[in-house]
């Protein structure tokens, strides 16, 4: 009898995997509309819908640096019909900032694959007389400036905190906004004078002159902004901070479903139209499988724990 029950379960499970997905898939972006996970989710949703023959519908669940989305996804059924595009904010920075976090990225999720790395750039409103990083540092030391972020504990907040510590800038007024789009609107409107932002949100404003870019946060320059120097080139040796976006599911996702999703994404990311759109937005491809993503996730948590400690960052 036990053998028959086991066989029935195996057959049922295999059938479910063969017919996946059996209904609409919720593709939850752990960000507000316009945030990097949202931008990438919307690019991938159409590709996945075509690949699987069922709708993949993007839902935005912003809040608390990805905590709101992560908590909901962690509680969902592990059947592949609830997925999350979460970045380093949800999957690493929150762990570094809050030792009592209600979820564990390594325990409560199936980490399907990394997708893209998104550097941040330091941009200023043209009303601030700062044409270089040196000008900006001198201005910030002469008077208190205001900088914006996509929220307390966001990668934008953390990057600036690390930068201020490295630059020896005593204080700067932090104005947290609800997401990357709100941050950029505040920068363009002059509500705050500066901030670090993902390239997709500010590339157009940089080209139009509505924002001035001073440097990029990663060790290498971005192909989408090749003339923008790295912070390391400008004297901040070892400065290298980016956010990586990946696809996650609740823990316990059947291996076969995860493999099918990873394979479909690998094909989509190689298609020219998507690859070109990602490159134009400053998104650097990080396509790999579950094993590599799990290893990266552990290293990412360690990286941000060290950064938070070095900069003395605390959620306000």
C-alpha atoms as a PDB file:
ATOM      1  CA  UNK A   1       0.000   0.000   0.000  1.00  0.00           C
ATOM      2  CA  UNK A   2       2.806   2.452   0.900  1.00  0.00           C
ATOM      3  CA  UNK A   3       4.509   1.693  -2.402  1.00  0.00           C
ATOM      4  CA  UNK A   4       1.282   2.367  -4.310  1.00  0.00           C
ATOM      5  CA  UNK A   5       0.770   5.671  -2.500  1.00  0.00           C
ATOM      6  CA  UNK A   6       4.345   6.705  -3.246  1.00  0.00           C
ATOM      7  CA  UNK A   7       3.927   5.834  -6.908  1.00  0.00           C
ATOM      8  CA  UNK A   8       0.686   7.812  -7.050  1.00  0.00           C
ATOM      9  CA  UNK A   9       2.401  10.850  -5.564  1.00  0.00           C
ATOM     10  CA  UNK A  10       5.294  10.567  -7.991  1.00  0.00           C
ATOM     11  CA  UNK A  11       2.985  10.223 -10.975  1.00  0.00           C
ATOM     12  CA  UNK A  12       0.883  13.152  -9.821  1.00  0.00           C
ATOM     13  CA  UNK A  13       3.930  15.292  -9.247  1.00  0.00           C
ATOM     14  CA  UNK A  14       5.385  14.421 -12.647  1.00  0.00           C
ATOM     15  CA  UNK A  15       2.073  15.197 -14.329  1.00  0.00           C
ATOM     16  CA  UNK A  16       1.941  18.594 -12.614  1.00  0.00           C
ATOM     17  CA  UNK A  17       5.449  19.373 -13.817  1.00  0.00           C
ATOM     18  CA  UNK A  18       4.662  18.242 -17.390  1.00  0.00           C
ATOM     19  CA  UNK A  19       1.584  20.466 -17.521  1.00  0.00           C
ATOM     20  CA  UNK A  20       3.231  23.484 -15.823  1.00  0.00           C
ATOM     21  CA  UNK A  21       1.955  26.095 -15.766  1.00  0.00           C
ATOM     22  CA  UNK A  22      -1.678  25.149 -15.399  1.00  0.00           C
ATOM     23  CA  UNK A  23      -2.859  28.731 -14.822  1.00  0.00           C
ATOM     24  CA  UNK A  24      -1.689  32.340 -14.810  1.00  0.00           C
ATOM     25  CA  UNK A  25       1.706  32.830 -13.172  1.00  0.00           C
ATOM     26  CA  UNK A  26       2.152  35.773 -10.798  1.00  0.00           C
ATOM     27  CA  UNK A  27       5.521  37.375 -11.497  1.00  0.00           C
ATOM     28  CA  UNK A  28       5.981  39.598  -8.463  1.00  0.00           C
ATOM     29  CA  UNK A  29       8.389  42.524  -8.800  1.00  0.00           C
ATOM     30  CA  UNK A  30       9.837  43.429  -5.429  1.00  0.00           C
ATOM     31  CA  UNK A  31       9.826  47.102  -6.372  1.00  0.00           C
ATOM     32  CA  UNK A  32       7.585  49.995  -7.296  1.00  0.00           C
ATOM     33  CA  UNK A  33       6.690  50.547 -10.972  1.00  0.00           C
ATOM     34  CA  UNK A  34       9.796  51.789 -12.748  1.00  0.00           C
ATOM     35  CA  UNK A  35      12.195  50.118 -10.322  1.00  0.00           C
ATOM     36  CA  UNK A  36      14.814  47.828 -11.832  1.00  0.00           C
ATOM     37  CA  UNK A  37      13.081  44.519 -10.886  1.00  0.00           C
ATOM     38  CA  UNK A  38       9.855  45.894 -12.402  1.00  0.00           C
ATOM     39  CA  UNK A  39      11.561  46.974 -15.629  1.00  0.00           C
ATOM     40  CA  UNK A  40      13.171  43.566 -16.101  1.00  0.00           C
ATOM     41  CA  UNK A  41      10.031  41.658 -15.059  1.00  0.00           C
ATOM     42  CA  UNK A  42       7.990  43.380 -17.741  1.00  0.00           C
ATOM     43  CA  UNK A  43      10.606  42.606 -20.384  1.00  0.00           C
ATOM     44  CA  UNK A  44      10.633  38.930 -19.395  1.00  0.00           C
ATOM     45  CA  UNK A  45       6.899  38.431 -18.838  1.00  0.00           C
ATOM     46  CA  UNK A  46       6.067  38.431 -22.554  1.00  0.00           C
ATOM     47  CA  UNK A  47       8.938  36.038 -23.324  1.00  0.00           C
ATOM     48  CA  UNK A  48       7.850  33.599 -20.623  1.00  0.00           C
ATOM     49  CA  UNK A  49       4.193  33.821 -21.670  1.00  0.00           C
ATOM     50  CA  UNK A  50       5.183  32.839 -25.205  1.00  0.00           C
ATOM     51  CA  UNK A  51       7.495  30.076 -24.009  1.00  0.00           C
ATOM     52  CA  UNK A  52       4.975  28.409 -21.701  1.00  0.00           C
ATOM     53  CA  UNK A  53       1.688  29.257 -23.404  1.00  0.00           C
ATOM     54  CA  UNK A  54       0.176  30.742 -20.242  1.00  0.00           C
ATOM     55  CA  UNK A  55       0.108  34.368 -19.024  1.00  0.00           C
ATOM     56  CA  UNK A  56       2.928  35.575 -16.791  1.00  0.00           C
ATOM     57  CA  UNK A  57       1.471  38.684 -15.145  1.00  0.00           C
ATOM     58  CA  UNK A  58       3.650  41.233 -13.361  1.00  0.00           C
ATOM     59  CA  UNK A  59       2.488  42.458  -9.963  1.00  0.00           C
ATOM     60  CA  UNK A  60       4.300  45.194  -8.072  1.00  0.00           C
ATOM     61  CA  UNK A  61       4.718  44.728  -4.343  1.00  0.00           C
ATOM     62  CA  UNK A  62       6.999  47.531  -3.164  1.00  0.00           C
ATOM     63  CA  UNK A  63       7.748  48.295   0.443  1.00  0.00           C
ATOM     64  CA  UNK A  64      10.497  48.004   3.049  1.00  0.00           C
ATOM     65  CA  UNK A  65      13.235  47.368   0.512  1.00  0.00           C
ATOM     66  CA  UNK A  66      11.628  44.196  -0.814  1.00  0.00           C
ATOM     67  CA  UNK A  67      10.466  42.775   2.512  1.00  0.00           C
ATOM     68  CA  UNK A  68       6.759  43.039   1.649  1.00  0.00           C
ATOM     69  CA  UNK A  69       7.161  41.053  -1.576  1.00  0.00           C
ATOM     70  CA  UNK A  70       9.581  38.521  -0.091  1.00  0.00           C
ATOM     71  CA  UNK A  71       7.311  37.740   2.850  1.00  0.00           C
ATOM     72  CA  UNK A  72       4.331  37.105   0.579  1.00  0.00           C
ATOM     73  CA  UNK A  73       6.255  34.931  -1.869  1.00  0.00           C
ATOM     74  CA  UNK A  74       7.888  32.909   0.913  1.00  0.00           C
ATOM     75  CA  UNK A  75       4.394  31.954   2.153  1.00  0.00           C
ATOM     76  CA  UNK A  76       3.056  30.993  -1.293  1.00  0.00           C
ATOM     77  CA  UNK A  77       2.603  27.451  -2.574  1.00  0.00           C
ATOM     78  CA  UNK A  78       5.828  26.118  -4.141  1.00  0.00           C
ATOM     79  CA  UNK A  79       4.137  25.128  -7.398  1.00  0.00           C
ATOM     80  CA  UNK A  80       5.759  27.676  -9.712  1.00  0.00           C
ATOM     81  CA  UNK A  81       2.670  29.858 -10.054  1.00  0.00           C
ATOM     82  CA  UNK A  82       4.073  32.543  -7.742  1.00  0.00           C
ATOM     83  CA  UNK A  83       7.536  33.802  -8.654  1.00  0.00           C
ATOM     84  CA  UNK A  84       9.532  36.853  -7.641  1.00  0.00           C
ATOM     85  CA  UNK A  85      12.031  39.093  -9.324  1.00  0.00           C
ATOM     86  CA  UNK A  86      13.944  40.334  -6.320  1.00  0.00           C
ATOM     87  CA  UNK A  87      17.235  42.162  -6.225  1.00  0.00           C
ATOM     88  CA  UNK A  88      20.077  42.408  -3.734  1.00  0.00           C
ATOM     89  CA  UNK A  89      17.885  44.631  -1.572  1.00  0.00           C
ATOM     90  CA  UNK A  90      15.397  41.866  -0.860  1.00  0.00           C
ATOM     91  CA  UNK A  91      17.892  39.012  -0.951  1.00  0.00           C
ATOM     92  CA  UNK A  92      20.989  40.433   0.789  1.00  0.00           C
ATOM     93  CA  UNK A  93      20.793  44.008   2.080  1.00  0.00           C
ATOM     94  CA  UNK A  94      17.780  43.323   4.288  1.00  0.00           C
ATOM     95  CA  UNK A  95      19.681  40.479   5.929  1.00  0.00           C
ATOM     96  CA  UNK A  96      22.629  42.799   6.576  1.00  0.00           C
ATOM     97  CA  UNK A  97      20.423  45.494   8.069  1.00  0.00           C
ATOM     98  CA  UNK A  98      18.064  43.371  10.142  1.00  0.00           C
ATOM     99  CA  UNK A  99      19.278  40.276  12.011  1.00  0.00           C
ATOM    100  CA  UNK A 100      15.652  39.611  13.021  1.00  0.00           C
ATOM    101  CA  UNK A 101      14.356  39.532   9.458  1.00  0.00           C
ATOM    102  CA  UNK A 102      11.210  37.435   9.123  1.00  0.00           C
ATOM    103  CA  UNK A 103      12.568  35.385   6.214  1.00  0.00           C
ATOM    104  CA  UNK A 104      15.846  33.825   5.133  1.00  0.00           C
ATOM    105  CA  UNK A 105      16.781  34.174   1.453  1.00  0.00           C
ATOM    106  CA  UNK A 106      18.738  30.923   1.628  1.00  0.00           C
ATOM    107  CA  UNK A 107      16.148  28.909   3.572  1.00  0.00           C
ATOM    108  CA  UNK A 108      12.755  30.208   2.462  1.00  0.00           C
ATOM    109  CA  UNK A 109      13.302  30.481  -1.297  1.00  0.00           C
ATOM    110  CA  UNK A 110      14.295  28.406  -4.281  1.00  0.00           C
ATOM    111  CA  UNK A 111      16.908  30.540  -6.006  1.00  0.00           C
ATOM    112  CA  UNK A 112      16.253  29.761  -9.678  1.00  0.00           C
ATOM    113  CA  UNK A 113      18.767  31.948 -11.480  1.00  0.00           C
ATOM    114  CA  UNK A 114      20.515  35.301 -11.430  1.00  0.00           C
ATOM    115  CA  UNK A 115      19.502  37.511 -14.355  1.00  0.00           C
ATOM    116  CA  UNK A 116      21.175  40.910 -14.413  1.00  0.00           C
ATOM    117  CA  UNK A 117      23.487  43.181 -12.466  1.00  0.00           C
ATOM    118  CA  UNK A 118      22.537  46.846 -12.320  1.00  0.00           C
ATOM    119  CA  UNK A 119      25.235  49.331 -11.309  1.00  0.00           C
ATOM    120  CA  UNK A 120      24.199  52.618  -9.770  1.00  0.00           C
ATOM    121  CA  UNK A 121      25.415  56.022 -10.872  1.00  0.00           C
ATOM    122  CA  UNK A 122      25.811  59.166  -8.790  1.00  0.00           C
ATOM    123  CA  UNK A 123      23.712  61.877 -10.381  1.00  0.00           C
ATOM    124  CA  UNK A 124      23.120  65.486  -9.409  1.00  0.00           C
ATOM    125  CA  UNK A 125      20.537  68.061 -10.344  1.00  0.00           C
ATOM    126  CA  UNK A 126      22.136  70.632 -12.691  1.00  0.00           C
ATOM    127  CA  UNK A 127      21.206  73.325 -10.158  1.00  0.00           C
ATOM    128  CA  UNK A 128      24.068  72.066  -8.007  1.00  0.00           C
ATOM    129  CA  UNK A 129      27.373  73.474  -9.210  1.00  0.00           C
ATOM    130  CA  UNK A 130      29.234  70.187  -9.351  1.00  0.00           C
ATOM    131  CA  UNK A 131      30.727  69.147 -12.665  1.00  0.00           C
ATOM    132  CA  UNK A 132      32.967  66.472 -11.178  1.00  0.00           C
ATOM    133  CA  UNK A 133      33.121  64.141  -8.217  1.00  0.00           C
ATOM    134  CA  UNK A 134      35.704  66.414  -6.616  1.00  0.00           C
ATOM    135  CA  UNK A 135      33.351  69.402  -6.955  1.00  0.00           C
ATOM    136  CA  UNK A 136      30.575  67.368  -5.373  1.00  0.00           C
ATOM    137  CA  UNK A 137      32.684  66.337  -2.378  1.00  0.00           C
ATOM    138  CA  UNK A 138      33.827  69.924  -1.803  1.00  0.00           C
ATOM    139  CA  UNK A 139      30.226  71.192  -2.004  1.00  0.00           C
ATOM    140  CA  UNK A 140      29.024  68.516   0.439  1.00  0.00           C
ATOM    141  CA  UNK A 141      31.763  69.416   2.925  1.00  0.00           C
ATOM    142  CA  UNK A 142      31.005  73.134   2.649  1.00  0.00           C
ATOM    143  CA  UNK A 143      27.270  72.846   3.384  1.00  0.00           C
ATOM    144  CA  UNK A 144      24.758  70.127   4.093  1.00  0.00           C
ATOM    145  CA  UNK A 145      23.260  68.778   0.896  1.00  0.00           C
ATOM    146  CA  UNK A 146      20.220  66.517   0.536  1.00  0.00           C
ATOM    147  CA  UNK A 147      20.334  63.172  -1.217  1.00  0.00           C
ATOM    148  CA  UNK A 148      17.489  60.876  -2.114  1.00  0.00           C
ATOM    149  CA  UNK A 149      17.136  57.111  -2.160  1.00  0.00           C
ATOM    150  CA  UNK A 150      14.501  54.563  -3.117  1.00  0.00           C
ATOM    151  CA  UNK A 151      13.860  53.929   0.568  1.00  0.00           C
ATOM    152  CA  UNK A 152      15.555  53.261   3.882  1.00  0.00           C
ATOM    153  CA  UNK A 153      17.910  50.326   3.486  1.00  0.00           C
ATOM    154  CA  UNK A 154      17.790  50.395  -0.332  1.00  0.00           C
ATOM    155  CA  UNK A 155      20.929  49.909  -2.395  1.00  0.00           C
ATOM    156  CA  UNK A 156      20.829  53.643  -3.146  1.00  0.00           C
ATOM    157  CA  UNK A 157      20.858  54.414   0.591  1.00  0.00           C
ATOM    158  CA  UNK A 158      23.632  51.936   1.306  1.00  0.00           C
ATOM    159  CA  UNK A 159      25.793  53.052  -1.612  1.00  0.00           C
ATOM    160  CA  UNK A 160      25.632  56.671  -0.502  1.00  0.00           C
ATOM    161  CA  UNK A 161      26.353  55.765   3.116  1.00  0.00           C
ATOM    162  CA  UNK A 162      29.470  53.843   2.073  1.00  0.00           C
ATOM    163  CA  UNK A 163      30.505  56.712  -0.222  1.00  0.00           C
ATOM    164  CA  UNK A 164      30.049  59.370   2.466  1.00  0.00           C
ATOM    165  CA  UNK A 165      32.138  57.322   4.853  1.00  0.00           C
ATOM    166  CA  UNK A 166      34.901  56.843   2.270  1.00  0.00           C
ATOM    167  CA  UNK A 167      34.820  60.520   1.220  1.00  0.00           C
ATOM    168  CA  UNK A 168      34.992  61.840   4.769  1.00  0.00           C
ATOM    169  CA  UNK A 169      31.732  63.753   4.416  1.00  0.00           C
ATOM    170  CA  UNK A 170      30.360  64.215   7.913  1.00  0.00           C
ATOM    171  CA  UNK A 171      26.649  64.398   7.210  1.00  0.00           C
ATOM    172  CA  UNK A 172      24.110  64.730   4.453  1.00  0.00           C
ATOM    173  CA  UNK A 173      20.333  64.883   4.705  1.00  0.00           C
ATOM    174  CA  UNK A 174      18.824  61.575   3.605  1.00  0.00           C
ATOM    175  CA  UNK A 175      15.372  61.760   1.985  1.00  0.00           C
ATOM    176  CA  UNK A 176      13.926  58.273   1.351  1.00  0.00           C
ATOM    177  CA  UNK A 177      11.293  57.912  -1.369  1.00  0.00           C
ATOM    178  CA  UNK A 178       8.924  55.093  -2.216  1.00  0.00           C
ATOM    179  CA  UNK A 179      10.785  53.502  -5.078  1.00  0.00           C
ATOM    180  CA  UNK A 180      13.226  54.372  -7.831  1.00  0.00           C
ATOM    181  CA  UNK A 181      10.775  56.314 -10.001  1.00  0.00           C
ATOM    182  CA  UNK A 182       9.827  58.641  -7.136  1.00  0.00           C
ATOM    183  CA  UNK A 183      13.515  59.169  -6.391  1.00  0.00           C
ATOM    184  CA  UNK A 184      14.286  60.162  -9.988  1.00  0.00           C
ATOM    185  CA  UNK A 185      11.291  62.509 -10.117  1.00  0.00           C
ATOM    186  CA  UNK A 186      12.604  64.232  -6.979  1.00  0.00           C
ATOM    187  CA  UNK A 187      16.087  64.530  -8.486  1.00  0.00           C
ATOM    188  CA  UNK A 188      14.798  66.015 -11.734  1.00  0.00           C
ATOM    189  CA  UNK A 189      12.471  68.348  -9.836  1.00  0.00           C
ATOM    190  CA  UNK A 190      15.217  69.570  -7.527  1.00  0.00           C
ATOM    191  CA  UNK A 191      13.659  68.304  -4.290  1.00  0.00           C
ATOM    192  CA  UNK A 192      17.035  66.711  -3.543  1.00  0.00           C
ATOM    193  CA  UNK A 193      20.346  67.645  -5.084  1.00  0.00           C
ATOM    194  CA  UNK A 194      21.842  64.196  -5.582  1.00  0.00           C
ATOM    195  CA  UNK A 195      21.475  60.458  -5.295  1.00  0.00           C
ATOM    196  CA  UNK A 196      22.655  57.095  -6.575  1.00  0.00           C
ATOM    197  CA  UNK A 197      20.273  55.485  -9.049  1.00  0.00           C
ATOM    198  CA  UNK A 198      20.144  52.456 -11.309  1.00  0.00           C
ATOM    199  CA  UNK A 199      21.056  53.369 -14.881  1.00  0.00           C
ATOM    200  CA  UNK A 200      17.668  52.358 -16.401  1.00  0.00           C
ATOM    201  CA  UNK A 201      15.858  55.036 -14.416  1.00  0.00           C
ATOM    202  CA  UNK A 202      18.178  57.934 -15.253  1.00  0.00           C
ATOM    203  CA  UNK A 203      19.771  57.186 -18.648  1.00  0.00           C
ATOM    204  CA  UNK A 204      17.250  59.313 -20.550  1.00  0.00           C
ATOM    205  CA  UNK A 205      17.573  62.222 -18.121  1.00  0.00           C
ATOM    206  CA  UNK A 206      21.360  62.087 -18.384  1.00  0.00           C
ATOM    207  CA  UNK A 207      21.163  62.251 -22.180  1.00  0.00           C
ATOM    208  CA  UNK A 208      18.675  65.145 -22.068  1.00  0.00           C
ATOM    209  CA  UNK A 209      20.741  67.126 -19.561  1.00  0.00           C
ATOM    210  CA  UNK A 210      18.110  67.029 -16.828  1.00  0.00           C
ATOM    211  CA  UNK A 211      20.599  65.204 -14.608  1.00  0.00           C
ATOM    212  CA  UNK A 212      24.395  65.254 -14.507  1.00  0.00           C
ATOM    213  CA  UNK A 213      26.263  61.996 -13.888  1.00  0.00           C
ATOM    214  CA  UNK A 214      29.497  61.989 -11.883  1.00  0.00           C
ATOM    215  CA  UNK A 215      30.591  58.352 -11.520  1.00  0.00           C
ATOM    216  CA  UNK A 216      29.488  54.724 -11.498  1.00  0.00           C
ATOM    217  CA  UNK A 217      29.492  52.411  -8.486  1.00  0.00           C
ATOM    218  CA  UNK A 218      31.075  49.290  -9.983  1.00  0.00           C
ATOM    219  CA  UNK A 219      34.704  48.376 -10.613  1.00  0.00           C
ATOM    220  CA  UNK A 220      34.185  48.482 -14.388  1.00  0.00           C
ATOM    221  CA  UNK A 221      32.607  51.135 -16.565  1.00  0.00           C
ATOM    222  CA  UNK A 222      29.202  50.390 -18.055  1.00  0.00           C
ATOM    223  CA  UNK A 223      28.939  49.746 -21.820  1.00  0.00           C
ATOM    224  CA  UNK A 224      25.779  51.876 -21.802  1.00  0.00           C
ATOM    225  CA  UNK A 225      27.661  54.866 -20.314  1.00  0.00           C
ATOM    226  CA  UNK A 226      31.260  54.258 -21.411  1.00  0.00           C
ATOM    227  CA  UNK A 227      32.411  57.827 -20.743  1.00  0.00           C
ATOM    228  CA  UNK A 228      31.349  57.760 -17.082  1.00  0.00           C
ATOM    229  CA  UNK A 229      34.311  56.973 -14.796  1.00  0.00           C
ATOM    230  CA  UNK A 230      34.129  54.537 -11.911  1.00  0.00           C
ATOM    231  CA  UNK A 231      34.449  55.760  -8.346  1.00  0.00           C
ATOM    232  CA  UNK A 232      37.590  53.615  -8.121  1.00  0.00           C
ATOM    233  CA  UNK A 233      39.149  55.508 -11.043  1.00  0.00           C
ATOM    234  CA  UNK A 234      38.505  58.752  -9.181  1.00  0.00           C
ATOM    235  CA  UNK A 235      40.352  57.685  -6.056  1.00  0.00           C
ATOM    236  CA  UNK A 236      37.968  55.351  -4.237  1.00  0.00           C
ATOM    237  CA  UNK A 237      39.989  52.181  -4.577  1.00  0.00           C
ATOM    238  CA  UNK A 238      37.926  49.001  -4.168  1.00  0.00           C
ATOM    239  CA  UNK A 239      34.575  50.798  -4.414  1.00  0.00           C
ATOM    240  CA  UNK A 240      32.337  48.215  -6.107  1.00  0.00           C
ATOM    241  CA  UNK A 241      28.616  48.068  -5.324  1.00  0.00           C
ATOM    242  CA  UNK A 242      25.860  46.798  -7.603  1.00  0.00           C
ATOM    243  CA  UNK A 243      22.484  45.181  -7.221  1.00  0.00           C
ATOM    244  CA  UNK A 244      21.817  41.805  -8.834  1.00  0.00           C
ATOM    245  CA  UNK A 245      18.310  40.836  -9.912  1.00  0.00           C
ATOM    246  CA  UNK A 246      17.326  37.186  -9.880  1.00  0.00           C
ATOM    247  CA  UNK A 247      14.293  34.937 -10.126  1.00  0.00           C
ATOM    248  CA  UNK A 248      13.079  33.294  -6.915  1.00  0.00           C
ATOM    249  CA  UNK A 249      10.267  30.939  -5.924  1.00  0.00           C
ATOM    250  CA  UNK A 250       9.054  29.636  -2.558  1.00  0.00           C
ATOM    251  CA  UNK A 251      11.250  26.937  -1.025  1.00  0.00           C
ATOM    252  CA  UNK A 252      10.314  23.446  -2.186  1.00  0.00           C
ATOM    253  CA  UNK A 253       9.808  24.248  -5.867  1.00  0.00           C
ATOM    254  CA  UNK A 254      10.093  20.975  -7.830  1.00  0.00           C
ATOM    255  CA  UNK A 255      13.516  20.756  -9.445  1.00  0.00           C
ATOM    256  CA  UNK A 256      12.039  20.109 -12.899  1.00  0.00           C
ATOM    257  CA  UNK A 257       9.945  23.283 -12.843  1.00  0.00           C
ATOM    258  CA  UNK A 258      12.933  25.339 -11.774  1.00  0.00           C
ATOM    259  CA  UNK A 259      15.002  23.799 -14.568  1.00  0.00           C
ATOM    260  CA  UNK A 260      12.325  24.601 -17.158  1.00  0.00           C
ATOM    261  CA  UNK A 261      12.131  28.212 -15.998  1.00  0.00           C
ATOM    262  CA  UNK A 262      15.901  28.587 -16.004  1.00  0.00           C
ATOM    263  CA  UNK A 263      16.136  27.128 -19.505  1.00  0.00           C
ATOM    264  CA  UNK A 264      13.382  29.413 -20.847  1.00  0.00           C
ATOM    265  CA  UNK A 265      15.059  32.459 -19.323  1.00  0.00           C
ATOM    266  CA  UNK A 266      18.454  31.477 -20.729  1.00  0.00           C
ATOM    267  CA  UNK A 267      16.913  31.371 -24.213  1.00  0.00           C
ATOM    268  CA  UNK A 268      15.082  34.672 -23.725  1.00  0.00           C
ATOM    269  CA  UNK A 269      18.183  36.491 -22.512  1.00  0.00           C
ATOM    270  CA  UNK A 270      20.074  35.417 -25.639  1.00  0.00           C
ATOM    271  CA  UNK A 271      17.443  36.897 -27.970  1.00  0.00           C
ATOM    272  CA  UNK A 272      18.803  40.001 -29.645  1.00  0.00           C
ATOM    273  CA  UNK A 273      15.885  42.330 -28.916  1.00  0.00           C
ATOM    274  CA  UNK A 274      15.959  41.620 -25.175  1.00  0.00           C
ATOM    275  CA  UNK A 275      19.763  41.641 -24.958  1.00  0.00           C
ATOM    276  CA  UNK A 276      19.905  45.021 -26.695  1.00  0.00           C
ATOM    277  CA  UNK A 277      17.208  46.512 -24.474  1.00  0.00           C
ATOM    278  CA  UNK A 278      19.011  45.340 -21.355  1.00  0.00           C
ATOM    279  CA  UNK A 279      22.337  46.714 -22.592  1.00  0.00           C
ATOM    280  CA  UNK A 280      20.784  50.092 -23.427  1.00  0.00           C
ATOM    281  CA  UNK A 281      19.399  50.238 -19.899  1.00  0.00           C
ATOM    282  CA  UNK A 282      22.754  49.444 -18.319  1.00  0.00           C
ATOM    283  CA  UNK A 283      21.727  45.961 -17.224  1.00  0.00           C
ATOM    284  CA  UNK A 284      24.649  43.536 -17.346  1.00  0.00           C
ATOM    285  CA  UNK A 285      23.702  39.932 -18.067  1.00  0.00           C
ATOM    286  CA  UNK A 286      24.106  37.505 -15.160  1.00  0.00           C
ATOM    287  CA  UNK A 287      22.449  34.375 -16.553  1.00  0.00           C
ATOM    288  CA  UNK A 288      23.292  31.183 -14.690  1.00  0.00           C
ATOM    289  CA  UNK A 289      21.643  28.295 -12.870  1.00  0.00           C
ATOM    290  CA  UNK A 290      20.462  27.495  -9.383  1.00  0.00           C
ATOM    291  CA  UNK A 291      23.755  26.227  -7.984  1.00  0.00           C
ATOM    292  CA  UNK A 292      25.702  29.289  -9.082  1.00  0.00           C
ATOM    293  CA  UNK A 293      22.961  31.655  -7.931  1.00  0.00           C
ATOM    294  CA  UNK A 294      22.845  30.065  -4.467  1.00  0.00           C
ATOM    295  CA  UNK A 295      26.617  30.475  -4.134  1.00  0.00           C
ATOM    296  CA  UNK A 296      26.398  34.089  -5.293  1.00  0.00           C
ATOM    297  CA  UNK A 297      23.535  34.805  -2.861  1.00  0.00           C
ATOM    298  CA  UNK A 298      25.656  33.691   0.090  1.00  0.00           C
ATOM    299  CA  UNK A 299      28.548  35.840  -1.095  1.00  0.00           C
ATOM    300  CA  UNK A 300      26.218  38.802  -1.707  1.00  0.00           C
ATOM    301  CA  UNK A 301      24.928  38.638   1.873  1.00  0.00           C
ATOM    302  CA  UNK A 302      28.498  38.571   3.183  1.00  0.00           C
ATOM    303  CA  UNK A 303      29.416  41.522   0.953  1.00  0.00           C
ATOM    304  CA  UNK A 304      26.583  43.701   2.230  1.00  0.00           C
ATOM    305  CA  UNK A 305      27.071  42.688   5.863  1.00  0.00           C
ATOM    306  CA  UNK A 306      30.638  43.962   5.537  1.00  0.00           C
ATOM    307  CA  UNK A 307      29.515  47.158   3.776  1.00  0.00           C
ATOM    308  CA  UNK A 308      26.844  47.928   6.369  1.00  0.00           C
ATOM    309  CA  UNK A 309      29.337  47.407   9.174  1.00  0.00           C
ATOM    310  CA  UNK A 310      32.015  49.541   7.505  1.00  0.00           C
ATOM    311  CA  UNK A 311      29.636  52.427   6.848  1.00  0.00           C
ATOM    312  CA  UNK A 312      27.666  52.196  10.065  1.00  0.00           C
ATOM    313  CA  UNK A 313      24.373  52.120   8.184  1.00  0.00           C
ATOM    314  CA  UNK A 314      21.157  51.821  10.158  1.00  0.00           C
ATOM    315  CA  UNK A 315      17.582  51.868   8.910  1.00  0.00           C
ATOM    316  CA  UNK A 316      16.087  55.160  10.037  1.00  0.00           C
END
